[in-house]
């Protein structure tokens, strides 16, 4: 009986330890993980097309410093609003040199609201 109780306690502690290790990070940390994925569902992931290095264009614009410039890109939109719109409706405002549909307009259907919030939180850290 003591052996069974000891085993149960060890198992419970192990389960508690595992759940502590899988605790999600902050929204910005989760957004960074999402951004770094090579693919999201059947589409190229953010990092596949967007560099985080200054003036480095892969396919889409570099996102280095996006948080600093986003609030002044479209009059009337805050940095957060502009970044969110750029994810959900990428053709709403096109940066010079990037034609329509450079970024596929699928993310509103493919990403959950939480995932969009996390990506926005991460991108707002890129000052």
C-alpha atoms as a PDB file:
ATOM      1  CA  UNK A   1       0.000   0.000   0.000  1.00  0.00           C
ATOM      2  CA  UNK A   2       2.856   2.379   0.893  1.00  0.00           C
ATOM      3  CA  UNK A   3       4.511   1.589  -2.442  1.00  0.00           C
ATOM      4  CA  UNK A   4       1.300   2.437  -4.324  1.00  0.00           C
ATOM      5  CA  UNK A   5       0.892   5.712  -2.408  1.00  0.00           C
ATOM      6  CA  UNK A   6       4.541   6.632  -3.036  1.00  0.00           C
ATOM      7  CA  UNK A   7       4.126   5.874  -6.758  1.00  0.00           C
ATOM      8  CA  UNK A   8       0.965   7.993  -6.890  1.00  0.00           C
ATOM      9  CA  UNK A   9       2.712  10.919  -5.209  1.00  0.00           C
ATOM     10  CA  UNK A  10       5.689  10.670  -7.578  1.00  0.00           C
ATOM     11  CA  UNK A  11       3.349  10.498 -10.571  1.00  0.00           C
ATOM     12  CA  UNK A  12       1.375  13.520  -9.349  1.00  0.00           C
ATOM     13  CA  UNK A  13       4.567  15.527  -8.814  1.00  0.00           C
ATOM     14  CA  UNK A  14       5.814  14.555 -12.276  1.00  0.00           C
ATOM     15  CA  UNK A  15       2.491  15.676 -13.835  1.00  0.00           C
ATOM     16  CA  UNK A  16       2.691  18.962 -11.931  1.00  0.00           C
ATOM     17  CA  UNK A  17       6.254  19.512 -13.136  1.00  0.00           C
ATOM     18  CA  UNK A  18       5.254  18.810 -16.746  1.00  0.00           C
ATOM     19  CA  UNK A  19       2.330  21.219 -16.591  1.00  0.00           C
ATOM     20  CA  UNK A  20       4.611  23.933 -15.176  1.00  0.00           C
ATOM     21  CA  UNK A  21       7.049  23.422 -18.053  1.00  0.00           C
ATOM     22  CA  UNK A  22       4.319  23.821 -20.656  1.00  0.00           C
ATOM     23  CA  UNK A  23       2.932  27.050 -19.229  1.00  0.00           C
ATOM     24  CA  UNK A  24       2.551  29.507 -22.087  1.00  0.00           C
ATOM     25  CA  UNK A  25       4.662  32.645 -22.087  1.00  0.00           C
ATOM     26  CA  UNK A  26       3.516  36.202 -22.477  1.00  0.00           C
ATOM     27  CA  UNK A  27       1.536  37.092 -25.599  1.00  0.00           C
ATOM     28  CA  UNK A  28       4.693  38.645 -27.117  1.00  0.00           C
ATOM     29  CA  UNK A  29       6.693  35.465 -26.402  1.00  0.00           C
ATOM     30  CA  UNK A  30       3.988  33.307 -27.950  1.00  0.00           C
ATOM     31  CA  UNK A  31       3.839  35.701 -30.919  1.00  0.00           C
ATOM     32  CA  UNK A  32       7.610  35.384 -31.386  1.00  0.00           C
ATOM     33  CA  UNK A  33       7.244  31.595 -31.520  1.00  0.00           C
ATOM     34  CA  UNK A  34       4.419  31.896 -34.021  1.00  0.00           C
ATOM     35  CA  UNK A  35       6.409  34.383 -36.132  1.00  0.00           C
ATOM     36  CA  UNK A  36       9.383  31.988 -36.227  1.00  0.00           C
ATOM     37  CA  UNK A  37       7.436  29.030 -37.607  1.00  0.00           C
ATOM     38  CA  UNK A  38       8.522  28.178 -41.163  1.00  0.00           C
ATOM     39  CA  UNK A  39       4.956  27.271 -42.119  1.00  0.00           C
ATOM     40  CA  UNK A  40       1.539  28.065 -40.694  1.00  0.00           C
ATOM     41  CA  UNK A  41      -0.990  25.533 -41.841  1.00  0.00           C
ATOM     42  CA  UNK A  42      -0.370  25.332 -45.603  1.00  0.00           C
ATOM     43  CA  UNK A  43       1.187  28.798 -45.990  1.00  0.00           C
ATOM     44  CA  UNK A  44       4.735  30.072 -45.557  1.00  0.00           C
ATOM     45  CA  UNK A  45       5.199  31.411 -42.033  1.00  0.00           C
ATOM     46  CA  UNK A  46       5.994  35.049 -41.251  1.00  0.00           C
ATOM     47  CA  UNK A  47       9.760  34.489 -40.966  1.00  0.00           C
ATOM     48  CA  UNK A  48       9.797  32.917 -44.435  1.00  0.00           C
ATOM     49  CA  UNK A  49       8.914  36.233 -46.063  1.00  0.00           C
ATOM     50  CA  UNK A  50       9.791  38.921 -43.474  1.00  0.00           C
ATOM     51  CA  UNK A  51      13.255  39.638 -42.123  1.00  0.00           C
ATOM     52  CA  UNK A  52      13.880  41.101 -38.690  1.00  0.00           C
ATOM     53  CA  UNK A  53      17.143  42.629 -39.930  1.00  0.00           C
ATOM     54  CA  UNK A  54      17.172  46.292 -40.997  1.00  0.00           C
ATOM     55  CA  UNK A  55      16.630  46.914 -44.706  1.00  0.00           C
ATOM     56  CA  UNK A  56      16.635  43.191 -45.530  1.00  0.00           C
ATOM     57  CA  UNK A  57      13.859  42.285 -47.926  1.00  0.00           C
ATOM     58  CA  UNK A  58      13.120  38.617 -48.472  1.00  0.00           C
ATOM     59  CA  UNK A  59       9.688  38.855 -50.126  1.00  0.00           C
ATOM     60  CA  UNK A  60       7.849  41.261 -47.848  1.00  0.00           C
ATOM     61  CA  UNK A  61       9.244  44.286 -46.070  1.00  0.00           C
ATOM     62  CA  UNK A  62      11.666  44.008 -43.165  1.00  0.00           C
ATOM     63  CA  UNK A  63       9.814  44.179 -39.866  1.00  0.00           C
ATOM     64  CA  UNK A  64      12.802  45.563 -38.004  1.00  0.00           C
ATOM     65  CA  UNK A  65      11.543  48.666 -36.209  1.00  0.00           C
ATOM     66  CA  UNK A  66       7.912  48.121 -37.242  1.00  0.00           C
ATOM     67  CA  UNK A  67       6.627  49.222 -33.825  1.00  0.00           C
ATOM     68  CA  UNK A  68       8.361  52.590 -34.175  1.00  0.00           C
ATOM     69  CA  UNK A  69       7.083  53.404 -37.654  1.00  0.00           C
ATOM     70  CA  UNK A  70       3.661  51.690 -37.691  1.00  0.00           C
ATOM     71  CA  UNK A  71       1.847  54.467 -35.816  1.00  0.00           C
ATOM     72  CA  UNK A  72       2.738  57.038 -38.458  1.00  0.00           C
ATOM     73  CA  UNK A  73       2.228  54.908 -41.569  1.00  0.00           C
ATOM     74  CA  UNK A  74      -1.517  55.366 -42.033  1.00  0.00           C
ATOM     75  CA  UNK A  75      -3.094  58.530 -40.636  1.00  0.00           C
ATOM     76  CA  UNK A  76      -5.634  57.732 -37.939  1.00  0.00           C
ATOM     77  CA  UNK A  77      -4.312  54.244 -37.161  1.00  0.00           C
ATOM     78  CA  UNK A  78      -2.270  53.497 -34.065  1.00  0.00           C
ATOM     79  CA  UNK A  79       0.727  51.182 -34.362  1.00  0.00           C
ATOM     80  CA  UNK A  80      -1.355  48.320 -32.978  1.00  0.00           C
ATOM     81  CA  UNK A  81      -4.245  49.000 -35.368  1.00  0.00           C
ATOM     82  CA  UNK A  82      -1.926  49.265 -38.372  1.00  0.00           C
ATOM     83  CA  UNK A  83      -0.113  46.014 -37.547  1.00  0.00           C
ATOM     84  CA  UNK A  84      -3.393  44.168 -36.941  1.00  0.00           C
ATOM     85  CA  UNK A  85      -4.830  45.462 -40.225  1.00  0.00           C
ATOM     86  CA  UNK A  86      -1.639  44.486 -42.050  1.00  0.00           C
ATOM     87  CA  UNK A  87      -2.076  40.901 -40.866  1.00  0.00           C
ATOM     88  CA  UNK A  88      -5.819  40.612 -41.413  1.00  0.00           C
ATOM     89  CA  UNK A  89      -6.169  42.767 -44.551  1.00  0.00           C
ATOM     90  CA  UNK A  90      -2.683  43.089 -46.046  1.00  0.00           C
ATOM     91  CA  UNK A  91      -3.965  44.841 -49.175  1.00  0.00           C
ATOM     92  CA  UNK A  92      -5.621  47.673 -47.208  1.00  0.00           C
ATOM     93  CA  UNK A  93      -2.391  49.672 -47.320  1.00  0.00           C
ATOM     94  CA  UNK A  94       0.519  48.739 -49.560  1.00  0.00           C
ATOM     95  CA  UNK A  95       4.050  49.872 -48.885  1.00  0.00           C
ATOM     96  CA  UNK A  96       5.731  51.342 -51.950  1.00  0.00           C
ATOM     97  CA  UNK A  97       7.365  48.637 -54.033  1.00  0.00           C
ATOM     98  CA  UNK A  98       5.136  45.802 -52.812  1.00  0.00           C
ATOM     99  CA  UNK A  99       2.314  44.850 -55.191  1.00  0.00           C
ATOM    100  CA  UNK A 100      -1.133  43.675 -54.178  1.00  0.00           C
ATOM    101  CA  UNK A 101      -1.256  40.149 -52.740  1.00  0.00           C
ATOM    102  CA  UNK A 102       2.461  40.083 -51.948  1.00  0.00           C
ATOM    103  CA  UNK A 103       1.227  38.878 -48.572  1.00  0.00           C
ATOM    104  CA  UNK A 104      -1.583  36.361 -48.962  1.00  0.00           C
ATOM    105  CA  UNK A 105      -4.860  37.733 -47.592  1.00  0.00           C
ATOM    106  CA  UNK A 106      -5.668  34.492 -45.759  1.00  0.00           C
ATOM    107  CA  UNK A 107      -4.624  35.132 -42.177  1.00  0.00           C
ATOM    108  CA  UNK A 108      -8.011  36.351 -40.945  1.00  0.00           C
ATOM    109  CA  UNK A 109      -9.344  32.897 -41.759  1.00  0.00           C
ATOM    110  CA  UNK A 110      -6.285  30.867 -40.750  1.00  0.00           C
ATOM    111  CA  UNK A 111      -5.222  32.469 -37.466  1.00  0.00           C
ATOM    112  CA  UNK A 112      -7.277  32.568 -34.295  1.00  0.00           C
ATOM    113  CA  UNK A 113      -7.967  35.894 -32.629  1.00  0.00           C
ATOM    114  CA  UNK A 114      -5.512  34.885 -29.903  1.00  0.00           C
ATOM    115  CA  UNK A 115      -2.795  34.150 -32.462  1.00  0.00           C
ATOM    116  CA  UNK A 116      -3.334  37.537 -34.120  1.00  0.00           C
ATOM    117  CA  UNK A 117      -3.162  39.217 -30.698  1.00  0.00           C
ATOM    118  CA  UNK A 118       0.100  37.380 -29.981  1.00  0.00           C
ATOM    119  CA  UNK A 119       1.657  38.353 -33.314  1.00  0.00           C
ATOM    120  CA  UNK A 120       0.653  41.978 -32.787  1.00  0.00           C
ATOM    121  CA  UNK A 121       2.112  41.903 -29.262  1.00  0.00           C
ATOM    122  CA  UNK A 122       5.387  40.509 -30.616  1.00  0.00           C
ATOM    123  CA  UNK A 123       5.605  42.985 -33.494  1.00  0.00           C
ATOM    124  CA  UNK A 124       4.989  45.858 -31.080  1.00  0.00           C
ATOM    125  CA  UNK A 125       8.232  44.901 -29.330  1.00  0.00           C
ATOM    126  CA  UNK A 126      10.243  45.507 -32.519  1.00  0.00           C
ATOM    127  CA  UNK A 127      11.243  49.115 -31.954  1.00  0.00           C
END
